[in-house]
Amino acid sequence: MHWLYQPFVYEQDIFIAGVRVGDVDLTGLGKDQALKALRERFEPCLDQPLVIVDNGFRFYCLPREWGFTFDYETMLTEAFALGHEGNILRQWAERRRIKQNPVVCRAKVITDQVLLGELIRLLEMQVNVEPVKSNITVNKEGQVQHTHSRMGRQLNTSRFLEVLSKDIISAEGKEVTLPVDQVKPALVDEEVAGWELTRIISAYTTEFDESNPDRTNNLKVAVARLHGALLPPKQQFSFNRWVGPRSLQHGYREAPVVLENELVPGVGGGICQVSTTLYNAWLLAGFRVDKRHNHSIPVTYVEMGLDAAVVYGAQDLIFTNPLKTPILISGVIEGDTLTIALLGKAVQKYRYTLVPKIVERIPPQLVRVEDPSLEYGQEVIDKEGQEGFKVELWRKVFLDGEEVRREQLGLSVYKPKPCLIRVGLREREIIVDSEE
């Protein structure tokens, strides 16, 4: 046999020189010998206790009890492949390189996924802290309350597994410091100060009937979703997109809604009062609205022309932040009042008031329905009609207490309700006296 090929024949079943797994040298060993060497080195590691620590929290863990073990098959396969793959020239070159520059393969720790999940959940319960964003509220008296932000903490699971694997293998101290990431809340105090989000731009308050618990619930659910909305500069806001679908799954209940000029039961009834209150606050800031709809009939909580009807997937309230800094929306329910305020860095040079103006009254249509139970010619009003209206909305602009201009903001049309009259068809009985 040629001297060049002899090493490749004799070394086909052994690990080449310069190959290690962790700190175990496998040079010249067969696979069974290598497996025995790896087991002798790593198996005791699984029974050495680890102490997992974080801010005074200490957890004692035996790796084997939590399902950790070593993937000996993969370790042997990867290590043995070195210098044994490819043609003879490639193997020769790789063996020469590894002999001069030894290769250390990583010891692979694997675990039972169910036990690992339990361990992670246990540690997260001790470590994780939800971040708290800055919370700014404005009550109906115009008082601003600021609850300060707090950073959160979250276990970095991938880094923890890396550190844990190394410490299981290590012959050094067995104390593992949990890798924890700081979690920034959605709004921090520094942003509140920089954007002046404790400064009121405008506010508007409406009242509602607390005696209707389902409608009150819907108001609270919608306000909770709206409160804290932060609108970046030049960004468009959609009420429907922010508040979300009105469904039982989202916490809404059935309450009266306006449908085809009538109040009928519907899931989410009452939410239009939230959109209406927001609409008025936005107009009182001097801003423009991109899209708004009025109800088909007047509502009780604002004058005609001041309402903003919303229907998920159909009618929406949409506007755009015109400022160079963010605007924060505050929503607060106190007793039977709902207050929505806008906060931010706007310079309030002007003061605004809203003035609805009825420009046309639309008489109700008279609808006559034949009724055979009534005598001929007899008429009975079954349902009173209600006139409709066309209402313009104007915004007065004041500077230093004096009106400087007026702006027409839109036209609302409220449909009349027809007057339903039942008309008799039955002929009267004619009684003729008989002659004796």
Protein backbone atom coordinates (compact mmCIF):
# COMPACT_ATOMS: atom_id res chain seq x y z
CA MET A 1 0.00 0.00 0.00
CA HIS A 2 1.31 3.44 -0.92
CA TRP A 3 2.55 5.43 2.07
CA LEU A 4 0.26 8.37 1.16
CA TYR A 5 -2.93 6.32 1.67
CA GLN A 6 -1.91 4.39 4.78
CA PRO A 7 -3.10 7.09 7.30
CA PHE A 8 -6.57 7.25 5.70
CA VAL A 9 -6.98 3.49 5.92
CA TYR A 10 -5.78 3.15 9.49
CA GLU A 11 -7.56 6.29 10.79
CA GLN A 12 -11.00 5.78 9.23
CA ASP A 13 -12.52 4.49 12.48
CA ILE A 14 -10.83 6.84 14.95
CA PHE A 15 -11.05 10.56 15.74
CA ILE A 16 -8.28 12.57 14.11
CA ALA A 17 -5.63 14.45 16.03
CA GLY A 18 -6.66 17.86 17.38
CA VAL A 19 -10.39 17.19 17.85
CA ARG A 20 -11.99 17.95 21.21
CA VAL A 21 -15.53 18.12 22.60
CA GLY A 22 -15.41 20.72 25.32
CA ASP A 23 -12.28 19.87 27.29
CA VAL A 24 -12.29 16.17 26.29
CA ASP A 25 -9.52 15.23 23.83
CA LEU A 26 -10.79 12.56 21.39
CA THR A 27 -7.54 12.12 19.44
CA GLY A 28 -7.05 8.50 18.38
CA LEU A 29 -10.16 7.20 20.11
CA GLY A 30 -12.78 4.97 18.52
CA LYS A 31 -16.45 5.90 18.79
CA ASP A 32 -17.14 3.63 21.78
CA GLN A 33 -14.07 4.92 23.57
CA ALA A 34 -15.05 8.50 22.79
CA LEU A 35 -18.60 7.97 24.08
CA LYS A 36 -17.22 6.53 27.31
CA ALA A 37 -14.86 9.48 27.72
CA LEU A 38 -17.67 12.01 27.16
CA ARG A 39 -19.98 10.26 29.61
CA GLU A 40 -17.29 10.12 32.29
CA ARG A 41 -16.70 13.85 31.87
CA PHE A 42 -20.25 15.18 31.52
CA GLU A 43 -22.65 12.85 33.34
CA PRO A 44 -21.53 13.99 36.82
CA CYS A 45 -22.40 17.57 35.80
CA LEU A 46 -26.09 16.68 35.74
CA ASP A 47 -26.06 15.84 39.45
CA GLN A 48 -24.19 18.93 40.63
CA PRO A 49 -26.63 21.53 42.05
CA LEU A 50 -26.97 24.93 40.42
CA VAL A 51 -28.03 28.04 42.31
CA ILE A 52 -30.06 30.42 40.14
CA VAL A 53 -30.03 33.95 41.58
CA ASP A 54 -31.66 37.33 40.90
CA ASN A 55 -32.02 40.29 43.28
CA GLY A 56 -32.17 38.21 46.45
CA PHE A 57 -34.09 35.38 44.83
CA ARG A 58 -32.28 32.01 45.01
CA PHE A 59 -33.45 28.79 43.39
CA TYR A 60 -31.63 25.47 43.80
CA CYS A 61 -31.77 23.25 40.74
CA LEU A 62 -30.44 19.77 39.93
CA PRO A 63 -30.10 19.66 36.11
CA ARG A 64 -31.03 15.98 35.82
CA GLU A 65 -34.25 16.49 37.80
CA TRP A 66 -35.30 19.25 35.40
CA GLY A 67 -34.78 17.03 32.34
CA PHE A 68 -31.33 18.26 31.24
CA THR A 69 -29.00 15.78 29.54
CA PHE A 70 -26.28 15.70 26.87
CA ASP A 71 -26.77 14.98 23.19
CA TYR A 72 -23.90 12.50 22.89
CA GLU A 73 -24.95 11.25 19.45
CA THR A 74 -24.81 14.71 17.87
CA MET A 75 -21.54 15.57 19.63
CA LEU A 76 -19.86 12.39 18.37
CA THR A 77 -21.25 12.77 14.84
CA GLU A 78 -20.05 16.37 14.46
CA ALA A 79 -16.62 15.63 15.93
CA PHE A 80 -16.06 12.47 13.89
CA ALA A 81 -17.01 14.23 10.63
CA LEU A 82 -13.89 16.37 10.95
CA GLY A 83 -11.23 14.97 8.65
CA HIS A 84 -13.45 12.12 7.41
CA GLU A 85 -15.54 13.83 4.73
CA GLY A 86 -14.72 14.55 1.08
CA ASN A 87 -12.03 13.07 -1.12
CA ILE A 88 -8.58 12.03 0.08
CA LEU A 89 -6.96 15.38 -0.70
CA ARG A 90 -9.65 17.29 1.18
CA GLN A 91 -9.37 14.95 4.20
CA TRP A 92 -5.60 15.24 4.18
CA ALA A 93 -5.73 19.04 4.07
CA GLU A 94 -8.34 19.24 6.84
CA ARG A 95 -6.44 16.82 9.11
CA ARG A 96 -3.24 18.79 8.62
CA ARG A 97 -5.00 22.06 9.45
CA ILE A 98 -6.73 20.66 12.56
CA LYS A 99 -3.50 19.07 13.81
CA GLN A 100 -1.88 22.49 13.67
CA ASN A 101 -4.97 24.34 14.95
CA PRO A 102 -7.08 22.02 17.13
CA VAL A 103 -10.88 22.26 16.87
CA VAL A 104 -13.08 22.33 19.97
CA CYS A 105 -16.65 21.12 19.34
CA ARG A 106 -19.35 22.42 21.67
CA ALA A 107 -20.84 20.10 24.25
CA LYS A 108 -24.55 20.05 23.52
CA VAL A 109 -27.02 20.22 26.40
CA ILE A 110 -30.62 19.23 25.64
CA THR A 111 -33.68 19.13 27.87
CA ASP A 112 -37.22 17.87 28.20
CA GLN A 113 -39.35 20.69 26.75
CA VAL A 114 -42.22 20.20 29.20
CA LEU A 115 -39.93 20.42 32.25
CA LEU A 116 -38.07 23.34 30.69
CA GLY A 117 -41.36 25.17 30.21
CA GLU A 118 -42.24 24.65 33.87
CA LEU A 119 -38.82 25.92 34.96
CA ILE A 120 -39.10 29.02 32.77
CA ARG A 121 -42.60 29.80 34.08
CA LEU A 122 -41.43 29.40 37.66
CA LEU A 123 -38.53 31.79 37.12
CA GLU A 124 -40.64 34.30 35.19
CA MET A 125 -43.08 34.47 38.11
CA GLN A 126 -40.20 35.60 40.31
CA VAL A 127 -38.42 37.85 37.82
CA ASN A 128 -40.87 39.40 35.38
CA VAL A 129 -42.44 42.74 36.23
CA GLU A 130 -44.86 44.42 33.85
CA PRO A 131 -43.83 47.94 32.81
CA VAL A 132 -46.12 50.77 33.88
CA LYS A 133 -46.56 53.60 31.43
CA SER A 134 -47.14 57.20 32.46
CA ASN A 135 -50.85 57.72 33.01
CA ILE A 136 -52.37 61.19 32.69
CA THR A 137 -56.03 61.81 33.48
CA VAL A 138 -58.16 64.94 33.36
CA ASN A 139 -61.36 65.09 35.41
CA LYS A 140 -64.46 67.17 34.72
CA GLU A 141 -63.07 70.04 36.82
CA GLY A 142 -60.02 70.20 34.55
CA GLN A 143 -57.60 68.83 37.14
CA VAL A 144 -54.65 66.86 35.75
CA GLN A 145 -53.34 63.80 37.59
CA HIS A 146 -50.07 62.15 36.54
CA THR A 147 -49.14 58.63 37.63
CA HIS A 148 -45.44 58.09 36.95
CA SER A 149 -44.01 55.39 34.72
CA ARG A 150 -41.98 52.38 35.87
CA MET A 151 -39.58 50.19 33.91
CA GLY A 152 -40.45 46.52 33.62
CA ARG A 153 -38.24 43.42 33.84
CA GLN A 154 -38.31 40.31 31.68
CA LEU A 155 -36.27 37.11 31.78
CA ASN A 156 -34.19 36.74 28.62
CA THR A 157 -35.00 33.09 27.95
CA SER A 158 -32.53 32.46 25.12
CA ARG A 159 -29.60 34.00 27.03
CA PHE A 160 -30.62 32.11 30.16
CA LEU A 161 -30.44 28.78 28.31
CA GLU A 162 -27.01 29.69 26.91
CA VAL A 163 -25.68 30.62 30.34
CA LEU A 164 -27.28 27.60 31.97
CA SER A 165 -25.76 25.20 29.43
CA LYS A 166 -22.28 26.64 30.00
CA ASP A 167 -22.66 26.52 33.78
CA ILE A 168 -23.88 22.91 33.73
CA ILE A 169 -20.69 21.94 31.88
CA SER A 170 -18.37 24.24 33.81
CA ALA A 171 -16.27 22.87 36.65
CA GLU A 172 -16.26 26.35 38.21
CA GLY A 173 -18.80 27.73 40.67
CA LYS A 174 -22.38 26.68 40.04
CA GLU A 175 -24.17 30.00 40.63
CA VAL A 176 -26.20 31.27 37.68
CA THR A 177 -27.20 34.93 37.57
CA LEU A 178 -30.41 35.28 35.60
CA PRO A 179 -30.10 37.48 32.49
CA VAL A 180 -32.90 40.03 32.78
CA ASP A 181 -33.86 42.70 30.22
CA GLN A 182 -35.28 46.08 31.12
CA VAL A 183 -38.65 46.63 29.44
CA LYS A 184 -39.56 50.19 28.54
CA PRO A 185 -43.24 51.14 28.95
CA ALA A 186 -45.21 52.63 26.06
CA LEU A 187 -44.93 56.11 27.59
CA VAL A 188 -42.26 57.24 30.06
CA ASP A 189 -42.04 60.32 32.26
CA GLU A 190 -39.25 61.84 30.17
CA GLU A 191 -41.51 61.78 27.10
CA VAL A 192 -44.39 63.26 29.09
CA ALA A 193 -42.18 66.17 30.15
CA GLY A 194 -40.61 66.69 26.74
CA TRP A 195 -43.93 66.66 24.90
CA GLU A 196 -45.76 68.58 27.68
CA LEU A 197 -48.42 65.90 27.92
CA THR A 198 -49.71 67.23 31.24
CA ARG A 199 -50.83 70.43 29.50
CA ILE A 200 -54.52 70.52 28.52
CA ILE A 201 -55.28 71.59 24.96
CA SER A 202 -59.05 71.08 25.23
CA ALA A 203 -61.66 69.01 27.07
CA TYR A 204 -65.35 68.15 26.77
CA THR A 205 -67.80 66.51 29.17
CA THR A 206 -71.11 64.74 28.53
CA GLU A 207 -73.59 63.14 30.94
CA PHE A 208 -75.25 59.72 30.82
CA ASP A 209 -77.85 57.73 32.73
CA GLU A 210 -76.15 55.48 35.28
CA SER A 211 -79.37 53.52 35.80
CA ASN A 212 -78.76 51.63 32.52
CA PRO A 213 -75.97 49.24 33.60
CA ASP A 214 -75.40 47.67 30.16
CA ARG A 215 -74.98 51.01 28.39
CA THR A 216 -72.76 52.25 31.24
CA ASN A 217 -70.63 49.12 30.88
CA ASN A 218 -70.17 49.80 27.15
CA LEU A 219 -69.05 53.35 27.88
CA LYS A 220 -66.48 52.11 30.39
CA VAL A 221 -65.12 49.45 28.02
CA ALA A 222 -64.74 51.92 25.14
CA VAL A 223 -63.20 54.64 27.35
CA ALA A 224 -60.70 52.13 28.76
CA ARG A 225 -59.58 51.32 25.20
CA LEU A 226 -59.43 54.97 24.16
CA HIS A 227 -57.70 56.35 27.26
CA GLY A 228 -53.97 56.83 26.82
CA ALA A 229 -54.04 56.86 23.02
CA LEU A 230 -50.94 58.70 21.84
CA LEU A 231 -51.25 60.30 18.41
CA PRO A 232 -47.87 61.06 16.77
CA PRO A 233 -47.43 64.20 14.65
CA LYS A 234 -49.25 64.16 11.28
CA GLN A 235 -50.66 60.69 12.00
CA GLN A 236 -54.30 59.86 11.31
CA PHE A 237 -56.51 58.54 14.11
CA SER A 238 -59.41 56.15 13.51
CA PHE A 239 -61.87 55.69 16.37
CA ASN A 240 -62.99 52.28 15.13
CA ARG A 241 -59.45 51.01 14.64
CA TRP A 242 -58.38 52.15 18.10
CA VAL A 243 -61.46 51.04 20.08
CA GLY A 244 -61.89 47.84 18.09
CA PRO A 245 -64.88 45.59 17.30
CA ARG A 246 -68.00 45.83 19.41
CA SER A 247 -68.69 42.25 20.44
CA LEU A 248 -69.56 40.23 23.52
CA GLN A 249 -66.06 38.71 23.40
CA HIS A 250 -64.57 42.21 23.80
CA GLY A 251 -66.65 42.92 26.90
CA TYR A 252 -69.55 44.82 25.35
CA ARG A 253 -73.21 44.22 26.20
CA GLU A 254 -76.50 44.75 24.46
CA ALA A 255 -77.93 48.27 24.84
CA PRO A 256 -80.02 50.65 22.68
CA VAL A 257 -78.51 51.75 19.34
CA VAL A 258 -79.91 53.99 16.61
CA LEU A 259 -80.94 51.98 13.56
CA GLU A 260 -83.13 53.32 10.75
CA ASN A 261 -84.48 56.21 12.82
CA GLU A 262 -85.32 53.95 15.77
CA LEU A 263 -83.70 52.88 19.03
CA VAL A 264 -83.24 49.11 18.95
CA PRO A 265 -81.14 46.69 21.05
CA GLY A 266 -77.59 46.15 19.76
CA VAL A 267 -74.21 45.03 21.13
CA GLY A 268 -72.10 48.05 22.03
CA GLY A 269 -74.95 50.51 22.39
CA GLY A 270 -73.73 53.80 23.86
CA ILE A 271 -70.30 53.90 22.27
CA CYS A 272 -71.37 56.82 20.10
CA GLN A 273 -71.37 58.96 23.23
CA VAL A 274 -67.64 58.30 23.55
CA SER A 275 -66.95 59.20 19.91
CA THR A 276 -69.19 62.27 20.26
CA THR A 277 -67.37 63.50 23.36
CA LEU A 278 -64.03 63.00 21.62
CA TYR A 279 -65.34 64.80 18.50
CA ASN A 280 -66.27 67.88 20.52
CA ALA A 281 -62.95 67.92 22.39
CA TRP A 282 -61.12 67.77 19.04
CA LEU A 283 -63.15 70.66 17.58
CA LEU A 284 -62.64 72.77 20.73
CA ALA A 285 -58.88 72.42 20.20
CA GLY A 286 -59.31 74.24 16.90
CA PHE A 287 -58.49 71.15 14.84
CA ARG A 288 -60.16 69.82 11.70
CA VAL A 289 -61.88 66.44 11.33
CA ASP A 290 -61.26 64.20 8.31
CA LYS A 291 -64.46 62.14 8.58
CA ARG A 292 -67.55 62.25 10.77
CA HIS A 293 -71.18 61.11 10.57
CA ASN A 294 -74.24 62.34 12.43
CA HIS A 295 -76.98 60.04 13.71
CA SER A 296 -80.16 59.61 11.72
CA ILE A 297 -82.12 61.09 14.65
CA PRO A 298 -81.09 63.54 17.40
CA VAL A 299 -79.43 62.10 20.52
CA THR A 300 -80.03 63.16 24.10
CA TYR A 301 -76.49 63.85 25.33
CA VAL A 302 -75.53 66.71 22.96
CA GLU A 303 -77.27 69.28 20.80
CA MET A 304 -77.99 68.47 17.18
CA GLY A 305 -74.93 68.98 15.01
CA LEU A 306 -72.50 68.01 17.78
CA ASP A 307 -72.87 64.22 17.60
CA ALA A 308 -70.50 61.73 15.92
CA ALA A 309 -72.04 58.37 15.06
CA VAL A 310 -69.78 55.31 14.71
CA VAL A 311 -70.51 51.82 13.42
CA TYR A 312 -67.66 49.32 13.27
CA GLY A 313 -66.85 48.57 9.64
CA ALA A 314 -69.17 51.32 8.33
CA GLN A 315 -69.11 54.74 10.01
CA ASP A 316 -65.96 56.10 11.62
CA LEU A 317 -64.59 59.21 13.28
CA ILE A 318 -61.24 60.07 11.71
CA PHE A 319 -58.88 63.00 12.25
CA THR A 320 -55.18 63.83 11.89
CA ASN A 321 -52.80 65.35 14.43
CA PRO A 322 -51.81 68.74 12.95
CA LEU A 323 -49.08 69.42 15.52
CA LYS A 324 -45.33 68.79 15.38
CA THR A 325 -45.53 66.89 18.68
CA PRO A 326 -47.75 64.03 19.94
CA ILE A 327 -51.25 64.48 21.34
CA LEU A 328 -52.41 62.35 24.27
CA ILE A 329 -56.09 61.44 24.73
CA SER A 330 -57.45 61.13 28.26
CA GLY A 331 -60.82 59.53 28.97
CA VAL A 332 -62.35 59.57 32.46
CA ILE A 333 -65.75 58.45 33.78
CA GLU A 334 -66.85 60.00 37.08
CA GLY A 335 -70.31 59.09 38.30
CA ASP A 336 -72.66 60.00 35.45
CA THR A 337 -70.15 62.08 33.47
CA LEU A 338 -67.66 61.28 30.72
CA THR A 339 -64.75 63.67 30.17
CA ILE A 340 -62.36 63.42 27.25
CA ALA A 341 -59.35 65.73 27.12
CA LEU A 342 -56.50 66.33 24.68
CA LEU A 343 -53.06 67.04 26.10
CA GLY A 344 -49.90 68.26 24.41
CA LYS A 345 -47.70 71.16 23.38
CA ALA A 346 -50.22 73.17 21.35
CA VAL A 347 -50.03 76.93 21.83
CA GLN A 348 -53.54 78.01 22.82
CA LYS A 349 -53.55 81.44 21.22
CA TYR A 350 -57.26 81.25 20.46
CA ARG A 351 -60.34 80.10 22.34
CA TYR A 352 -63.15 78.25 20.56
CA THR A 353 -66.89 77.68 21.05
CA LEU A 354 -69.24 75.52 18.98
CA VAL A 355 -72.59 76.84 17.76
CA PRO A 356 -75.14 74.57 16.07
CA LYS A 357 -77.72 76.35 13.90
CA ILE A 358 -80.97 74.84 12.60
CA VAL A 359 -81.29 75.95 8.97
CA GLU A 360 -84.29 73.83 7.91
CA ARG A 361 -87.11 71.90 9.53
CA ILE A 362 -88.41 68.87 7.64
CA PRO A 363 -92.05 68.00 8.37
CA PRO A 364 -92.88 64.34 8.97
CA GLN A 365 -94.59 62.37 6.23
CA LEU A 366 -98.17 61.30 6.85
CA VAL A 367 -98.59 57.57 6.27
CA ARG A 368 -102.18 56.25 6.20
CA VAL A 369 -102.80 52.54 6.66
CA GLU A 370 -106.20 50.99 6.08
CA ASP A 371 -107.68 49.29 9.15
CA PRO A 372 -110.86 47.21 8.69
CA SER A 373 -111.47 47.22 12.44
CA LEU A 374 -112.27 50.95 12.36
CA GLU A 375 -115.45 52.47 11.01
CA TYR A 376 -115.35 54.05 7.60
CA GLY A 377 -113.82 57.53 7.71
CA GLN A 378 -112.51 57.14 11.26
CA GLU A 379 -108.82 58.00 11.71
CA VAL A 380 -106.55 57.08 14.64
CA ILE A 381 -102.96 58.29 15.05
CA ASP A 382 -101.00 55.10 15.71
CA LYS A 383 -97.55 56.67 15.96
CA GLU A 384 -96.75 60.33 16.37
CA GLY A 385 -94.44 61.74 13.74
CA GLN A 386 -91.28 63.71 14.43
CA GLU A 387 -89.91 66.48 12.30
CA GLY A 388 -86.43 66.31 10.83
CA PHE A 389 -83.74 68.96 10.77
CA LYS A 390 -80.83 70.32 8.79
CA VAL A 391 -78.25 71.74 11.18
CA GLU A 392 -75.11 73.70 10.40
CA LEU A 393 -72.24 73.63 12.89
CA TRP A 394 -70.19 76.77 13.30
CA ARG A 395 -67.05 77.35 15.33
CA LYS A 396 -66.50 80.78 16.83
CA VAL A 397 -62.87 81.82 17.23
CA PHE A 398 -61.93 84.26 20.01
CA LEU A 399 -58.71 86.18 20.61
CA ASP A 400 -58.27 88.04 23.89
CA GLY A 401 -61.99 87.63 24.60
CA GLU A 402 -63.20 89.03 21.28
CA GLU A 403 -64.63 87.05 18.37
CA VAL A 404 -62.32 87.29 15.37
CA ARG A 405 -63.99 84.87 12.93
CA ARG A 406 -66.46 82.04 12.41
CA GLU A 407 -65.87 78.74 10.63
CA GLN A 408 -68.55 76.45 9.22
CA LEU A 409 -67.58 72.89 10.10
CA GLY A 410 -70.33 70.84 8.51
CA LEU A 411 -73.99 70.09 7.90
CA SER A 412 -76.00 67.41 9.74
CA VAL A 413 -79.28 66.03 8.40
CA TYR A 414 -81.68 64.32 10.81
CA LYS A 415 -84.46 62.42 9.11
CA PRO A 416 -88.09 63.00 10.08
CA LYS A 417 -90.12 60.16 11.57
CA PRO A 418 -93.35 59.52 9.64
CA CYS A 419 -96.71 59.96 11.32
CA LEU A 420 -98.63 56.66 11.10
CA ILE A 421 -102.43 57.01 10.82
CA ARG A 422 -104.88 54.11 10.75
CA VAL A 423 -107.91 54.74 8.53
CA GLY A 424 -111.21 52.86 8.97
CA LEU A 425 -112.90 50.80 6.22
CA ARG A 426 -115.84 49.19 8.01
CA GLU A 427 -119.23 50.53 6.90
CA ARG A 428 -121.65 51.61 9.59
CA GLU A 429 -124.77 49.51 10.16
CA ILE A 430 -127.97 51.33 9.12
CA ILE A 431 -130.96 50.43 11.32
CA VAL A 432 -134.41 50.99 9.67
CA ASP A 433 -137.51 51.08 11.89
CA SER A 434 -140.18 48.62 10.69
CA GLU A 435 -143.78 49.81 10.29
CA GLU A 436 -146.50 48.04 12.12
